[in-house]
C-alpha cells in the first residue's frame, strides 16, 4: 500500500491524498507535477527513475476495511537528501535517457 506522502520533496508543496498533481517514482519519492516536469525533467533525484501520477486512494470504504479512512495517508513530511546543485547535474545527465532505459 502506498504511503501517500504529504508533500513535494523539492518545493514542500502540500500534496493531500486527493492531489491530482502528485507524482511518484517506483520508490514512492513524491513531487508535485511542476517540479517533476520543469525542474527535475522527469528524473527522480533520489533514484534516477521516472515519475508517474500518484493514484488517488478512495475516500469511502467501498469494501470492508479498505479506503482512506481505514488506511490514512502518511503525515511524515520528506525533504531531499541532495542539494539543488547536485540535483541539477544529476537531472541533466539522465534526462535524455528514457526512464525505461535508465
C-alpha atoms as a PDB file:
ATOM      1  CA  UNK A   1       0.000   0.000   0.000  1.00  0.00           C
ATOM      2  CA  UNK A   2       1.350   3.432  -0.927  1.00  0.00           C
ATOM      3  CA  UNK A   3       2.285   5.816   1.879  1.00  0.00           C
ATOM      4  CA  UNK A   4       0.692   8.788   0.104  1.00  0.00           C
ATOM      5  CA  UNK A   5       3.360  11.189   1.293  1.00  0.00           C
ATOM      6  CA  UNK A   6       2.028  14.653   2.149  1.00  0.00           C
ATOM      7  CA  UNK A   7       4.425  16.982   0.330  1.00  0.00           C
ATOM      8  CA  UNK A   8       6.671  17.638  -2.637  1.00  0.00           C
ATOM      9  CA  UNK A   9      10.212  16.733  -1.614  1.00  0.00           C
ATOM     10  CA  UNK A  10      11.608  19.606  -3.704  1.00  0.00           C
ATOM     11  CA  UNK A  11       9.383  22.652  -3.035  1.00  0.00           C
ATOM     12  CA  UNK A  12       7.468  21.342   0.021  1.00  0.00           C
ATOM     13  CA  UNK A  13       4.071  21.984  -1.601  1.00  0.00           C
ATOM     14  CA  UNK A  14       1.244  20.200   0.211  1.00  0.00           C
ATOM     15  CA  UNK A  15       0.049  17.130  -1.697  1.00  0.00           C
ATOM     16  CA  UNK A  16      -3.060  15.794   0.049  1.00  0.00           C
ATOM     17  CA  UNK A  17      -4.257  12.238  -0.731  1.00  0.00           C
ATOM     18  CA  UNK A  18      -6.550  13.513  -3.493  1.00  0.00           C
ATOM     19  CA  UNK A  19      -3.920  15.719  -5.196  1.00  0.00           C
ATOM     20  CA  UNK A  20      -4.087  15.189  -8.946  1.00  0.00           C
ATOM     21  CA  UNK A  21      -0.685  16.834  -9.423  1.00  0.00           C
ATOM     22  CA  UNK A  22       1.274  14.408  -7.203  1.00  0.00           C
ATOM     23  CA  UNK A  23       3.965  12.401  -8.976  1.00  0.00           C
ATOM     24  CA  UNK A  24       5.867   9.380  -7.631  1.00  0.00           C
ATOM     25  CA  UNK A  25       8.741   7.169  -8.717  1.00  0.00           C
ATOM     26  CA  UNK A  26       8.880   3.421  -8.096  1.00  0.00           C
ATOM     27  CA  UNK A  27      10.292   4.099  -4.601  1.00  0.00           C
ATOM     28  CA  UNK A  28       7.413   6.475  -3.779  1.00  0.00           C
ATOM     29  CA  UNK A  29       9.601   9.569  -3.818  1.00  0.00           C
ATOM     30  CA  UNK A  30       6.946  12.253  -4.128  1.00  0.00           C
ATOM     31  CA  UNK A  31       6.992  15.528  -6.039  1.00  0.00           C
ATOM     32  CA  UNK A  32       4.449  17.956  -7.468  1.00  0.00           C
ATOM     33  CA  UNK A  33       3.943  17.836 -11.232  1.00  0.00           C
ATOM     34  CA  UNK A  34       5.563  21.236 -11.730  1.00  0.00           C
ATOM     35  CA  UNK A  35       8.811  20.219 -10.015  1.00  0.00           C
ATOM     36  CA  UNK A  36       8.818  16.747 -11.616  1.00  0.00           C
ATOM     37  CA  UNK A  37       8.393  18.179 -15.110  1.00  0.00           C
ATOM     38  CA  UNK A  38      10.021  21.615 -15.112  1.00  0.00           C
ATOM     39  CA  UNK A  39      12.843  21.302 -12.595  1.00  0.00           C
ATOM     40  CA  UNK A  40      13.653  17.595 -12.417  1.00  0.00           C
ATOM     41  CA  UNK A  41      12.965  16.798 -16.095  1.00  0.00           C
ATOM     42  CA  UNK A  42      11.246  13.508 -15.149  1.00  0.00           C
ATOM     43  CA  UNK A  43      14.359  12.301 -13.285  1.00  0.00           C
ATOM     44  CA  UNK A  44      13.910  11.310  -9.643  1.00  0.00           C
ATOM     45  CA  UNK A  45      16.807  12.954  -7.794  1.00  0.00           C
ATOM     46  CA  UNK A  46      16.935  10.067  -5.325  1.00  0.00           C
ATOM     47  CA  UNK A  47      16.994   7.027  -7.619  1.00  0.00           C
ATOM     48  CA  UNK A  48      17.189   8.243 -11.226  1.00  0.00           C
ATOM     49  CA  UNK A  49      13.831   6.749 -12.188  1.00  0.00           C
ATOM     50  CA  UNK A  50      10.944   8.492 -13.896  1.00  0.00           C
ATOM     51  CA  UNK A  51       7.656   9.741 -12.461  1.00  0.00           C
ATOM     52  CA  UNK A  52       4.042   8.684 -12.824  1.00  0.00           C
ATOM     53  CA  UNK A  53       0.856  10.256 -11.462  1.00  0.00           C
ATOM     54  CA  UNK A  54       0.220   9.064  -7.924  1.00  0.00           C
ATOM     55  CA  UNK A  55      -3.025   7.079  -7.628  1.00  0.00           C
ATOM     56  CA  UNK A  56      -5.835   8.502  -5.521  1.00  0.00           C
ATOM     57  CA  UNK A  57      -6.949   6.300  -2.630  1.00  0.00           C
ATOM     58  CA  UNK A  58     -10.756   6.093  -2.386  1.00  0.00           C
ATOM     59  CA  UNK A  59     -12.174   8.207   0.453  1.00  0.00           C
ATOM     60  CA  UNK A  60     -15.090   5.881   1.018  1.00  0.00           C
ATOM     61  CA  UNK A  61     -14.865   2.385   2.393  1.00  0.00           C
ATOM     62  CA  UNK A  62     -16.354   0.668  -0.669  1.00  0.00           C
ATOM     63  CA  UNK A  63     -15.029  -2.684   0.536  1.00  0.00           C
ATOM     64  CA  UNK A  64     -14.760  -3.525   4.240  1.00  0.00           C
ATOM     65  CA  UNK A  65     -11.526  -2.192   5.725  1.00  0.00           C
ATOM     66  CA  UNK A  66     -10.305  -0.574   2.508  1.00  0.00           C
ATOM     67  CA  UNK A  67     -10.191   3.166   1.918  1.00  0.00           C
ATOM     68  CA  UNK A  68      -8.637   6.386   3.155  1.00  0.00           C
ATOM     69  CA  UNK A  69     -10.496   6.250   6.466  1.00  0.00           C
ATOM     70  CA  UNK A  70      -9.064   2.800   7.242  1.00  0.00           C
ATOM     71  CA  UNK A  71      -5.620   3.323   5.652  1.00  0.00           C
ATOM     72  CA  UNK A  72      -4.838   7.031   6.103  1.00  0.00           C
ATOM     73  CA  UNK A  73      -2.152   8.892   4.216  1.00  0.00           C
ATOM     74  CA  UNK A  74       1.235   9.496   5.799  1.00  0.00           C
ATOM     75  CA  UNK A  75       1.755  12.719   7.727  1.00  0.00           C
ATOM     76  CA  UNK A  76       5.573  12.474   7.709  1.00  0.00           C
ATOM     77  CA  UNK A  77       6.957  15.221   5.502  1.00  0.00           C
ATOM     78  CA  UNK A  78      10.037  14.373   3.409  1.00  0.00           C
ATOM     79  CA  UNK A  79      12.942  16.511   2.275  1.00  0.00           C
ATOM     80  CA  UNK A  80      15.570  15.894  -0.367  1.00  0.00           C
ATOM     81  CA  UNK A  81      18.791  14.234   0.667  1.00  0.00           C
ATOM     82  CA  UNK A  82      20.794  16.021  -2.027  1.00  0.00           C
ATOM     83  CA  UNK A  83      21.487  19.699  -2.587  1.00  0.00           C
ATOM     84  CA  UNK A  84      19.921  21.520  -5.518  1.00  0.00           C
ATOM     85  CA  UNK A  85      23.166  21.898  -7.457  1.00  0.00           C
ATOM     86  CA  UNK A  86      23.759  18.148  -7.306  1.00  0.00           C
ATOM     87  CA  UNK A  87      20.143  17.506  -8.331  1.00  0.00           C
ATOM     88  CA  UNK A  88      20.509  19.815 -11.342  1.00  0.00           C
ATOM     89  CA  UNK A  89      23.624  17.999 -12.531  1.00  0.00           C
ATOM     90  CA  UNK A  90      22.031  14.592 -11.932  1.00  0.00           C
ATOM     91  CA  UNK A  91      18.858  15.507 -13.856  1.00  0.00           C
ATOM     92  CA  UNK A  92      20.851  16.981 -16.727  1.00  0.00           C
ATOM     93  CA  UNK A  93      22.931  13.809 -17.001  1.00  0.00           C
ATOM     94  CA  UNK A  94      19.927  11.454 -17.096  1.00  0.00           C
ATOM     95  CA  UNK A  95      17.066  13.399 -18.699  1.00  0.00           C
ATOM     96  CA  UNK A  96      17.977  12.364 -22.225  1.00  0.00           C
ATOM     97  CA  UNK A  97      17.663   8.680 -21.340  1.00  0.00           C
ATOM     98  CA  UNK A  98      14.051   7.412 -21.288  1.00  0.00           C
ATOM     99  CA  UNK A  99      13.052   6.123 -17.821  1.00  0.00           C
ATOM    100  CA  UNK A 100      12.603   2.579 -19.140  1.00  0.00           C
ATOM    101  CA  UNK A 101      16.259   2.579 -20.262  1.00  0.00           C
ATOM    102  CA  UNK A 102      17.842   4.093 -17.154  1.00  0.00           C
END
